[in-house]
Amino acid sequence: MAEAKQALQRFTTKWGLIISVLGIAVGTGNIWRFPRIAAQNGGEEGAGVFILAWVISLLLWSIPLIIAEYAIGRNGRRGVIGSFIKLLGARFAWMGGFIGFVATAIMFYYSVVTGWTMYYLAQSLFVPLPADMETANAVWDSFQGSMMPSLFHAAAIVLAGLVVFKGVKMIERVNLVLVPTLLVILIVAGIRALTLPGSGAGLTYLFTPDWSMLGNGRIWLEALTQNAWDTGAGWGLILTYGAYMRKSDRIIKSAFQTGIGNNLVSLWAAVTIFATVFAILGAGMTQAQIVEVMQTSGPASTGLTFIWMPQLFLEIPGGRVFAVLFFLALTFAAFSSLIAMIELATKVLVDSGWLRYKATGMVCTLGFLFGLPSALSLDIFANQDFVWGVGLMVSGFFIAIAIIRYGADSFTSDILCMGEAVTGVHRLWTFLIRYVIPVEAAILLGWWLYQSIFVFAPDSWFNPFDLYSFATFVFQTGLLLILLLIFNKKIVAKQR
């Protein structure tokens, strides 16, 4: 009876699905990462070319993969491993296992980031905002030098786990509160930022194209990477939620709503932060100096969000409220994504015959234990972020390869369209998934590995213990693939 109940779980409404998937997509990558990456890829005149490349990446990478994940999940009605077995047969369980493990490995340290957002939310509520860089750095260093990151990491895992163990209906209910509240907070914060004197200069820089950057390949690759990050495309998370879709839900429409909704949130977050930073620093700095501040990544890429922003809020009338809203939005964004990551791993165990509460407990326990190293060491955090962030490119490649192996035309007509008429939009998607996505994945993976050899760790690329080396990526992902191939039959046997 319990197994039948688990198998029949569905999102109750179309908007429950869309909002929950937006909860996956709208995370710290939108609010924390996107504004910094936009600044780092802007030219002297502005970041408009990066924005253009990022929008094109949405259409040529993210939305096609979101469509694929929805369709595979709805077809399989299982987690990533079970859905790949149904699509390709038992021999390819390892492929679903790779996608699932990469997202779970990200969950291990993503809960640490969620803990950081919770800590800074508490700071903004109860402690005076830092008045200068020295104080802001002291707050960060004091936090990282204590056991607080581990405690907040544990709290994040437990709170998200409590949502997941209740099942998809609770996930839907919580996201229907978290995501709209997050959007309202961002709208209010953005409007406040736009009222600041000098904020227009930030918007001008954000949207002005420096056409000399158009032929810069690095801009396009960074834009593609960022869009993969902030939409959640290719992670397997949307596939997992797709298993709970109703048959009446329209995949193409849902994918566009998800992708475009995500990009609008990222743009609004960038508007908020660019407007705030330019308004406050504009009186004493040149445009180049302000952009340099925004480009500064700081320890574990925390510079702009956790060190500069709290100081800047102090300069705004009512800045304390603004700071609370900002970190509340960041916390909600992190939680909605963390819930999806825990659900992905939990769904795999449920497919293997575990009761949901036991599966959730196991995932959260392992999440806490394997996340502790990242909570205790920013070096380990940075290494895991690098390795599994690049691993996401492989995951996106595997999703495309799975469809190609099944037969892209057959997948489109039988699984995506479910016997209905194949339209021009479907044929365009088939072309993209068959030809464009694999090429993009190969170029992205090659570029990041080139960076690791010649830019990140040119003198130690062969050292598997270097943070950003070619060898550390090959060692960790290679070991995962070997283990999955060796135990492929056992993985299949565990899936009911």
Protein backbone atom coordinates (compact mmCIF):
# COMPACT_ATOMS: atom_id res chain seq x y z
CA MET A 1 0.00 0.00 0.00
CA ALA A 2 2.79 2.41 0.96
CA GLU A 3 4.67 1.60 -2.25
CA ALA A 4 1.55 2.19 -4.36
CA LYS A 5 0.97 5.51 -2.63
CA GLN A 6 4.57 6.57 -3.35
CA ALA A 7 4.28 5.56 -7.00
CA LEU A 8 1.08 7.59 -7.53
CA GLN A 9 2.45 10.89 -6.22
CA ARG A 10 1.88 13.83 -8.60
CA PHE A 11 1.95 17.61 -8.49
CA THR A 12 -1.63 18.69 -7.91
CA THR A 13 -1.62 21.64 -10.33
CA LYS A 14 0.33 22.88 -13.32
CA TRP A 15 1.46 25.95 -11.37
CA GLY A 16 2.55 23.72 -8.51
CA LEU A 17 4.94 22.06 -10.99
CA ILE A 18 6.13 25.33 -12.57
CA ILE A 19 6.71 27.06 -9.23
CA SER A 20 8.52 24.01 -7.84
CA VAL A 21 10.79 23.78 -10.89
CA LEU A 22 11.40 27.53 -10.62
CA GLY A 23 12.45 26.72 -7.05
CA ILE A 24 15.13 24.47 -8.57
CA ALA A 25 16.23 27.07 -11.10
CA VAL A 26 16.09 30.16 -8.91
CA GLY A 27 18.93 29.62 -6.47
CA THR A 28 22.10 31.28 -5.31
CA GLY A 29 23.38 31.09 -8.89
CA ASN A 30 20.88 33.81 -9.82
CA ILE A 31 21.47 36.19 -6.92
CA TRP A 32 25.03 35.39 -5.80
CA ARG A 33 26.79 34.27 -8.98
CA PHE A 34 25.08 35.94 -11.96
CA PRO A 35 25.79 39.63 -11.13
CA ARG A 36 29.46 38.85 -10.43
CA ILE A 37 29.88 36.83 -13.66
CA ALA A 38 28.16 39.60 -15.66
CA ALA A 39 30.60 42.14 -14.19
CA GLN A 40 33.60 39.91 -14.87
CA ASN A 41 32.57 39.54 -18.51
CA GLY A 42 31.75 43.19 -19.19
CA GLY A 43 33.85 45.39 -21.41
CA GLU A 44 34.85 49.00 -20.91
CA GLU A 45 31.45 50.20 -22.11
CA GLY A 46 29.24 47.59 -20.51
CA ALA A 47 28.12 43.97 -20.05
CA GLY A 48 25.45 43.95 -22.76
CA VAL A 49 27.27 41.45 -24.99
CA PHE A 50 27.47 38.97 -22.12
CA ILE A 51 23.72 39.41 -21.50
CA LEU A 52 23.06 38.74 -25.20
CA ALA A 53 25.21 35.59 -25.19
CA TRP A 54 23.52 34.43 -21.98
CA VAL A 55 20.04 34.78 -23.52
CA ILE A 56 21.14 32.87 -26.62
CA SER A 57 22.54 30.16 -24.33
CA LEU A 58 19.11 29.85 -22.72
CA LEU A 59 17.61 29.02 -26.12
CA LEU A 60 20.39 26.75 -27.39
CA TRP A 61 21.34 24.87 -24.20
CA SER A 62 19.07 25.27 -21.20
CA ILE A 63 15.57 25.08 -22.65
CA PRO A 64 16.36 22.06 -24.89
CA LEU A 65 17.78 20.20 -21.87
CA ILE A 66 14.86 21.24 -19.65
CA ILE A 67 12.48 19.80 -22.29
CA ALA A 68 14.54 16.59 -22.35
CA GLU A 69 14.50 16.25 -18.56
CA TYR A 70 10.76 16.82 -18.30
CA ALA A 71 10.12 14.20 -20.99
CA ILE A 72 12.50 11.56 -19.58
CA GLY A 73 11.10 12.05 -16.07
CA ARG A 74 7.46 11.88 -17.16
CA ASN A 75 8.17 8.81 -19.26
CA GLY A 76 10.09 6.96 -16.53
CA ARG A 77 8.03 8.06 -13.50
CA ARG A 78 11.13 7.28 -11.47
CA GLY A 79 14.36 8.94 -10.36
CA VAL A 80 17.36 9.50 -12.62
CA ILE A 81 18.57 5.90 -12.51
CA GLY A 82 15.17 4.25 -12.97
CA SER A 83 14.26 6.64 -15.78
CA PHE A 84 17.49 5.90 -17.66
CA ILE A 85 16.93 2.16 -17.24
CA LYS A 86 13.42 2.49 -18.70
CA LEU A 87 14.68 4.64 -21.58
CA LEU A 88 17.85 2.76 -22.57
CA GLY A 89 17.82 -0.54 -20.72
CA ALA A 90 19.74 -1.97 -17.77
CA ARG A 91 23.17 -1.53 -19.36
CA PHE A 92 22.90 2.24 -18.99
CA ALA A 93 21.99 2.51 -15.32
CA TRP A 94 25.51 3.89 -14.74
CA MET A 95 24.69 6.90 -16.89
CA GLY A 96 21.72 7.89 -14.73
CA GLY A 97 23.88 7.12 -11.70
CA PHE A 98 26.52 9.60 -12.85
CA ILE A 99 23.96 12.39 -13.31
CA GLY A 100 22.41 11.63 -9.94
CA PHE A 101 25.74 11.53 -8.10
CA VAL A 102 26.96 14.82 -9.59
CA ALA A 103 23.82 16.62 -8.37
CA THR A 104 24.14 14.91 -4.99
CA ALA A 105 27.82 15.85 -4.69
CA ILE A 106 26.79 19.46 -5.34
CA MET A 107 24.15 19.07 -2.62
CA PHE A 108 26.88 18.17 -0.11
CA TYR A 109 28.43 21.64 -0.36
CA TYR A 110 25.35 23.55 -1.50
CA SER A 111 23.89 23.00 1.95
CA VAL A 112 27.00 24.75 3.28
CA VAL A 113 26.20 27.79 1.12
CA THR A 114 22.60 27.63 2.35
CA GLY A 115 24.01 27.75 5.88
CA TRP A 116 26.03 30.85 4.99
CA THR A 117 22.88 32.61 3.78
CA MET A 118 21.09 31.69 7.04
CA TYR A 119 23.99 33.04 9.10
CA TYR A 120 24.09 36.35 7.23
CA LEU A 121 20.32 36.65 7.50
CA ALA A 122 20.72 36.33 11.29
CA GLN A 123 23.60 38.86 11.19
CA SER A 124 21.50 41.38 9.30
CA LEU A 125 18.68 40.96 11.84
CA PHE A 126 20.63 41.13 15.10
CA VAL A 127 24.10 42.62 14.51
CA PRO A 128 25.08 46.11 13.22
CA LEU A 129 26.06 46.13 9.55
CA PRO A 130 29.84 46.34 8.95
CA ALA A 131 31.07 49.88 8.41
CA ASP A 132 34.16 49.09 6.34
CA MET A 133 36.06 46.36 4.50
CA GLU A 134 38.13 45.47 7.56
CA THR A 135 35.01 44.87 9.67
CA ALA A 136 33.26 42.95 6.89
CA ASN A 137 36.28 40.68 6.44
CA ALA A 138 36.50 40.20 10.20
CA VAL A 139 32.86 39.03 10.30
CA TRP A 140 33.54 36.54 7.51
CA ASP A 141 36.83 35.31 8.96
CA SER A 142 35.34 34.93 12.44
CA PHE A 143 32.45 32.94 11.03
CA GLN A 144 34.69 30.67 8.95
CA GLY A 145 37.11 30.17 11.85
CA SER A 146 34.38 28.78 14.10
CA MET A 147 32.08 25.75 14.10
CA MET A 148 29.19 27.93 12.94
CA PRO A 149 29.42 26.91 9.25
CA SER A 150 29.05 23.26 10.30
CA LEU A 151 26.10 24.05 12.58
CA PHE A 152 24.27 26.07 9.93
CA HIS A 153 25.08 23.38 7.35
CA ALA A 154 23.38 20.84 9.64
CA ALA A 155 20.39 23.14 10.17
CA ALA A 156 19.96 23.61 6.42
CA ILE A 157 20.06 19.84 5.79
CA VAL A 158 17.55 19.11 8.55
CA LEU A 159 15.05 21.80 7.53
CA ALA A 160 15.13 20.83 3.84
CA GLY A 161 14.92 17.14 4.78
CA LEU A 162 11.77 17.75 6.82
CA VAL A 163 10.10 19.03 3.64
CA VAL A 164 11.31 16.16 1.45
CA PHE A 165 10.33 13.31 3.74
CA LYS A 166 6.66 14.38 3.51
CA GLY A 167 6.68 13.83 -0.25
CA VAL A 168 5.97 15.78 -3.41
CA LYS A 169 2.79 17.44 -2.10
CA MET A 170 4.72 19.01 0.77
CA ILE A 171 7.49 20.05 -1.65
CA GLU A 172 4.81 21.69 -3.78
CA ARG A 173 3.21 23.48 -0.81
CA VAL A 174 6.51 24.79 0.53
CA ASN A 175 7.63 26.03 -2.90
CA LEU A 176 4.27 27.76 -3.38
CA VAL A 177 5.22 29.83 -0.32
CA LEU A 178 9.01 30.15 -0.77
CA VAL A 179 9.18 31.06 -4.46
CA PRO A 180 6.43 33.73 -4.67
CA THR A 181 7.71 35.26 -1.42
CA LEU A 182 11.23 35.29 -2.86
CA LEU A 183 9.98 37.02 -6.01
CA VAL A 184 8.07 39.67 -4.02
CA ILE A 185 11.17 40.35 -1.89
CA LEU A 186 13.35 40.73 -5.00
CA ILE A 187 10.83 43.08 -6.61
CA VAL A 188 10.67 45.27 -3.49
CA ALA A 189 14.47 45.28 -3.13
CA GLY A 190 14.93 46.09 -6.81
CA ILE A 191 12.48 48.99 -6.72
CA ARG A 192 14.28 50.38 -3.66
CA ALA A 193 17.63 50.08 -5.45
CA LEU A 194 16.30 51.89 -8.51
CA THR A 195 15.22 54.86 -6.38
CA LEU A 196 18.80 55.47 -5.20
CA PRO A 197 20.56 58.51 -6.76
CA GLY A 198 23.08 57.29 -9.32
CA SER A 199 21.50 53.85 -9.79
CA GLY A 200 20.94 54.55 -13.47
CA ALA A 201 24.67 54.32 -14.13
CA GLY A 202 24.57 50.71 -12.97
CA LEU A 203 21.75 49.85 -15.35
CA THR A 204 23.50 51.64 -18.19
CA TYR A 205 26.63 49.56 -17.65
CA LEU A 206 24.69 46.28 -17.25
CA PHE A 207 22.80 46.61 -20.53
CA THR A 208 25.20 48.60 -22.75
CA PRO A 209 26.93 46.28 -25.25
CA ASP A 210 30.64 46.66 -25.84
CA TRP A 211 30.60 45.32 -29.39
CA SER A 212 34.36 44.78 -29.35
CA MET A 213 33.64 41.81 -27.03
CA LEU A 214 31.34 40.10 -29.50
CA GLY A 215 34.10 37.96 -31.00
CA ASN A 216 35.55 37.01 -27.61
CA GLY A 217 34.98 33.26 -27.28
CA ARG A 218 35.48 33.36 -23.53
CA ILE A 219 32.39 35.58 -23.13
CA TRP A 220 30.21 33.03 -24.93
CA LEU A 221 31.59 30.11 -22.95
CA GLU A 222 31.14 31.92 -19.64
CA ALA A 223 27.57 32.85 -20.65
CA LEU A 224 26.77 29.24 -21.54
CA THR A 225 28.28 27.98 -18.28
CA GLN A 226 26.34 30.54 -16.25
CA ASN A 227 23.04 29.69 -17.92
CA ALA A 228 23.60 25.99 -17.28
CA TRP A 229 24.26 26.85 -13.64
CA ASP A 230 21.40 29.20 -12.96
CA THR A 231 18.65 27.27 -14.79
CA GLY A 232 19.52 23.84 -13.35
CA ALA A 233 19.41 22.37 -16.88
CA GLY A 234 21.20 19.03 -17.15
CA TRP A 235 21.40 18.45 -13.39
CA GLY A 236 18.74 15.72 -13.27
CA LEU A 237 16.69 17.80 -10.81
CA ILE A 238 14.03 18.75 -13.35
CA LEU A 239 13.95 15.10 -14.48
CA THR A 240 13.15 14.11 -10.89
CA TYR A 241 10.29 16.62 -10.62
CA GLY A 242 9.19 15.59 -14.13
CA ALA A 243 8.43 12.14 -12.71
CA TYR A 244 5.58 13.81 -10.79
CA MET A 245 4.11 15.63 -13.83
CA ARG A 246 0.53 15.05 -14.82
CA LYS A 247 -0.04 13.74 -18.35
CA SER A 248 -1.97 16.90 -19.18
CA ASP A 249 1.00 19.18 -18.44
CA ARG A 250 2.55 20.55 -21.64
CA ILE A 251 6.29 20.00 -21.66
CA ILE A 252 7.37 22.59 -24.25
CA LYS A 253 5.30 25.35 -22.65
CA SER A 254 6.45 24.38 -19.14
CA ALA A 255 10.10 24.41 -20.24
CA PHE A 256 9.84 27.91 -21.72
CA GLN A 257 8.04 29.18 -18.62
CA THR A 258 10.76 27.67 -16.44
CA GLY A 259 13.71 28.95 -18.48
CA ILE A 260 12.41 32.44 -19.19
CA GLY A 261 11.14 32.85 -15.62
CA ASN A 262 14.57 31.91 -14.30
CA ASN A 263 16.38 34.36 -16.58
CA LEU A 264 14.05 37.19 -15.63
CA VAL A 265 14.84 36.58 -11.95
CA SER A 266 18.58 36.61 -12.70
CA LEU A 267 18.28 39.85 -14.63
CA TRP A 268 16.26 41.50 -11.86
CA ALA A 269 18.82 40.38 -9.26
CA ALA A 270 21.56 41.90 -11.41
CA VAL A 271 19.55 45.12 -11.78
CA THR A 272 19.19 45.27 -7.98
CA ILE A 273 22.88 44.71 -7.26
CA PHE A 274 24.30 46.84 -10.10
CA ALA A 275 21.97 49.71 -9.16
CA THR A 276 22.94 49.47 -5.47
CA VAL A 277 26.68 49.23 -6.01
CA PHE A 278 26.89 52.02 -8.61
CA ALA A 279 24.62 54.30 -6.57
CA ILE A 280 26.67 54.01 -3.38
CA LEU A 281 30.20 53.84 -4.82
CA GLY A 282 29.61 56.22 -7.73
CA ALA A 283 30.37 59.37 -5.74
CA GLY A 284 33.93 58.32 -4.91
CA MET A 285 34.94 55.85 -7.63
CA THR A 286 35.20 55.72 -11.41
CA GLN A 287 33.15 53.22 -13.41
CA ALA A 288 36.23 51.02 -13.87
CA GLN A 289 36.88 50.98 -10.12
CA ILE A 290 33.25 50.09 -9.33
CA VAL A 291 33.29 47.24 -11.85
CA GLU A 292 36.53 45.98 -10.30
CA VAL A 293 34.80 45.83 -6.91
CA MET A 294 31.97 43.79 -8.44
CA GLN A 295 34.41 41.45 -10.16
CA THR A 296 36.26 40.66 -6.94
CA SER A 297 35.32 37.10 -6.08
CA GLY A 298 36.92 36.97 -2.61
CA PRO A 299 37.26 33.75 -0.60
CA ALA A 300 35.20 31.00 -2.23
CA SER A 301 33.67 33.64 -4.56
CA THR A 302 31.97 35.33 -1.62
CA GLY A 303 33.42 38.82 -2.02
CA LEU A 304 30.52 40.71 -3.57
CA THR A 305 27.64 39.03 -1.74
CA PHE A 306 28.97 38.40 1.75
CA ILE A 307 31.66 41.08 2.17
CA TRP A 308 30.75 44.10 0.01
CA MET A 309 26.94 44.07 0.04
CA PRO A 310 26.51 44.24 3.86
CA GLN A 311 28.74 47.34 3.91
CA LEU A 312 26.84 48.99 1.08
CA PHE A 313 23.48 48.51 2.78
CA LEU A 314 24.76 50.68 5.64
CA GLU A 315 24.94 53.63 3.25
CA ILE A 316 21.26 53.39 2.25
CA PRO A 317 18.49 55.02 4.28
CA GLY A 318 16.65 52.04 5.75
CA GLY A 319 19.55 49.85 4.70
CA ARG A 320 19.06 47.43 7.60
CA VAL A 321 15.65 46.45 6.21
CA PHE A 322 17.17 46.23 2.72
CA ALA A 323 19.90 43.88 4.04
CA VAL A 324 17.33 41.64 5.76
CA LEU A 325 15.27 41.42 2.57
CA PHE A 326 18.35 40.64 0.47
CA PHE A 327 19.57 37.80 2.67
CA LEU A 328 16.05 36.49 3.21
CA ALA A 329 15.66 36.23 -0.57
CA LEU A 330 19.05 34.54 -0.85
CA THR A 331 18.11 32.06 1.89
CA PHE A 332 14.76 31.21 0.28
CA ALA A 333 16.46 30.75 -3.11
CA ALA A 334 19.06 28.42 -1.60
CA PHE A 335 16.44 26.38 0.29
CA SER A 336 14.19 25.78 -2.72
CA SER A 337 17.16 24.41 -4.69
CA LEU A 338 18.49 22.35 -1.77
CA ILE A 339 15.08 20.69 -1.38
CA ALA A 340 15.26 19.53 -5.01
CA MET A 341 18.78 18.12 -4.56
CA ILE A 342 17.75 16.11 -1.51
CA GLU A 343 14.62 14.91 -3.35
CA LEU A 344 16.71 13.67 -6.28
CA ALA A 345 18.79 11.35 -4.09
CA THR A 346 15.77 10.37 -1.97
CA LYS A 347 13.77 9.41 -5.09
CA VAL A 348 16.55 7.04 -6.19
CA LEU A 349 16.42 5.25 -2.82
CA VAL A 350 12.60 5.17 -2.86
CA ASP A 351 12.80 3.53 -6.31
CA SER A 352 15.07 0.93 -4.69
CA GLY A 353 12.39 -0.02 -2.18
CA TRP A 354 13.22 2.29 0.73
CA LEU A 355 10.38 3.91 2.64
CA ARG A 356 10.49 7.66 2.06
CA TYR A 357 11.23 8.62 5.65
CA LYS A 358 14.16 6.19 5.82
CA ALA A 359 15.46 7.32 2.41
CA THR A 360 15.28 10.98 3.40
CA GLY A 361 17.01 10.28 6.71
CA MET A 362 19.84 8.43 4.96
CA VAL A 363 20.32 11.17 2.33
CA CYS A 364 20.35 13.91 4.97
CA THR A 365 22.78 12.00 7.19
CA LEU A 366 25.17 11.40 4.30
CA GLY A 367 24.65 14.99 3.12
CA PHE A 368 25.72 16.30 6.51
CA LEU A 369 28.75 13.98 6.81
CA PHE A 370 30.04 14.49 3.27
CA GLY A 371 29.34 18.21 3.44
CA LEU A 372 31.37 18.68 6.63
CA PRO A 373 34.75 18.90 4.82
CA SER A 374 33.42 21.81 2.72
CA ALA A 375 31.98 23.44 5.85
CA LEU A 376 35.35 23.17 7.60
CA SER A 377 37.63 24.12 4.70
CA LEU A 378 37.10 26.71 1.97
CA ASP A 379 39.80 24.95 -0.07
CA ILE A 380 37.82 21.72 -0.11
CA PHE A 381 34.66 23.70 -0.88
CA ALA A 382 36.37 25.38 -3.86
CA ASN A 383 37.68 22.03 -5.14
CA GLN A 384 34.27 20.36 -4.98
CA ASP A 385 32.61 23.34 -6.63
CA PHE A 386 35.11 23.16 -9.49
CA VAL A 387 35.02 19.37 -10.02
CA TRP A 388 31.27 18.82 -9.92
CA GLY A 389 30.49 22.13 -11.62
CA VAL A 390 32.45 20.89 -14.63
CA GLY A 391 30.82 17.47 -14.12
CA LEU A 392 27.46 19.11 -14.89
CA MET A 393 28.64 19.58 -18.48
CA VAL A 394 29.11 15.81 -18.69
CA SER A 395 25.64 15.31 -17.22
CA GLY A 396 24.07 17.51 -19.91
CA PHE A 397 26.03 15.58 -22.54
CA PHE A 398 24.75 12.24 -21.17
CA ILE A 399 21.13 13.43 -21.34
CA ALA A 400 21.56 14.32 -25.01
CA ILE A 401 23.40 11.07 -25.74
CA ALA A 402 20.62 9.04 -24.08
CA ILE A 403 18.04 10.58 -26.42
CA ILE A 404 20.28 10.12 -29.46
CA ARG A 405 20.83 6.45 -28.57
CA TYR A 406 17.12 5.88 -28.09
CA GLY A 407 16.52 7.58 -31.42
CA ALA A 408 15.89 11.32 -31.41
CA ASP A 409 12.99 11.15 -33.88
CA SER A 410 11.36 8.26 -32.03
CA PHE A 411 11.85 10.02 -28.69
CA THR A 412 10.20 13.15 -30.06
CA SER A 413 7.14 11.40 -31.48
CA ASP A 414 6.62 8.67 -28.85
CA ILE A 415 7.76 10.27 -25.57
CA LEU A 416 7.79 14.04 -26.01
CA CYS A 417 4.64 14.31 -28.16
CA MET A 418 3.07 11.06 -26.84
CA GLY A 419 1.63 10.19 -30.25
CA GLU A 420 0.33 13.69 -31.03
CA ALA A 421 1.36 15.64 -34.13
CA VAL A 422 5.04 16.58 -34.36
CA THR A 423 5.31 20.31 -35.08
CA GLY A 424 8.11 22.54 -36.31
CA VAL A 425 9.03 23.41 -32.72
CA HIS A 426 9.48 19.71 -31.95
CA ARG A 427 11.64 19.22 -35.05
CA LEU A 428 13.81 22.17 -34.05
CA TRP A 429 14.23 20.66 -30.57
CA THR A 430 15.19 17.32 -32.14
CA PHE A 431 17.89 19.05 -34.20
CA LEU A 432 19.25 20.90 -31.17
CA ILE A 433 19.38 17.83 -28.95
CA ARG A 434 20.91 15.66 -31.68
CA TYR A 435 23.58 18.04 -32.94
CA VAL A 436 23.92 21.30 -31.02
CA ILE A 437 23.87 20.14 -27.38
CA PRO A 438 26.61 17.47 -27.81
CA VAL A 439 28.86 19.99 -29.59
CA GLU A 440 28.24 22.63 -26.92
CA ALA A 441 28.96 20.12 -24.15
CA ALA A 442 32.19 19.00 -25.79
CA ILE A 443 33.36 22.59 -26.29
CA LEU A 444 32.44 23.59 -22.73
CA LEU A 445 34.14 20.57 -21.18
CA GLY A 446 37.22 21.06 -23.34
CA TRP A 447 37.41 24.74 -22.46
CA TRP A 448 37.17 24.20 -18.71
CA LEU A 449 39.80 21.46 -18.82
CA TYR A 450 42.03 23.70 -20.95
CA GLN A 451 41.61 26.40 -18.30
CA SER A 452 42.57 23.96 -15.56
CA ILE A 453 45.81 23.03 -17.37
CA PHE A 454 46.92 26.42 -18.71
CA VAL A 455 45.22 29.01 -16.45
CA PHE A 456 44.07 27.62 -13.08
CA ALA A 457 46.97 25.24 -12.34
CA PRO A 458 49.60 25.49 -15.10
CA ASP A 459 52.40 24.20 -12.84
CA SER A 460 50.43 21.45 -11.11
CA TRP A 461 47.78 20.33 -13.60
CA PHE A 462 48.96 16.73 -13.13
CA ASN A 463 48.49 16.84 -9.32
CA PRO A 464 45.13 15.29 -8.26
CA PHE A 465 45.35 17.13 -4.92
CA ASP A 466 45.58 20.60 -6.47
CA LEU A 467 42.33 22.58 -6.13
CA TYR A 468 41.72 23.37 -9.80
CA SER A 469 43.94 20.94 -11.67
CA PHE A 470 43.06 18.79 -14.65
CA ALA A 471 44.09 15.77 -12.61
CA THR A 472 41.68 16.44 -9.73
CA PHE A 473 38.74 16.49 -12.14
CA VAL A 474 39.87 13.35 -13.97
CA PHE A 475 40.62 11.49 -10.73
CA GLN A 476 37.29 12.22 -9.02
CA THR A 477 34.96 11.86 -12.00
CA GLY A 478 36.98 8.95 -13.40
CA LEU A 479 36.77 7.07 -10.10
CA LEU A 480 33.01 7.67 -10.04
CA LEU A 481 32.57 6.34 -13.59
CA ILE A 482 34.70 3.24 -12.90
CA LEU A 483 32.71 2.39 -9.77
CA LEU A 484 29.39 2.91 -11.55
CA LEU A 485 30.44 0.65 -14.43
CA ILE A 486 31.70 -2.06 -12.07
CA PHE A 487 28.53 -2.03 -9.98
CA ASN A 488 26.08 -1.39 -12.83
CA LYS A 489 24.34 -4.77 -12.40
CA LYS A 490 23.96 -4.29 -8.66
CA ILE A 491 22.52 -0.82 -9.23
CA VAL A 492 19.97 -2.30 -11.64
CA ALA A 493 19.09 -5.07 -9.16
CA LYS A 494 18.31 -2.46 -6.50
CA GLN A 495 15.83 -0.64 -8.75
CA ARG A 496 12.39 -2.24 -8.39
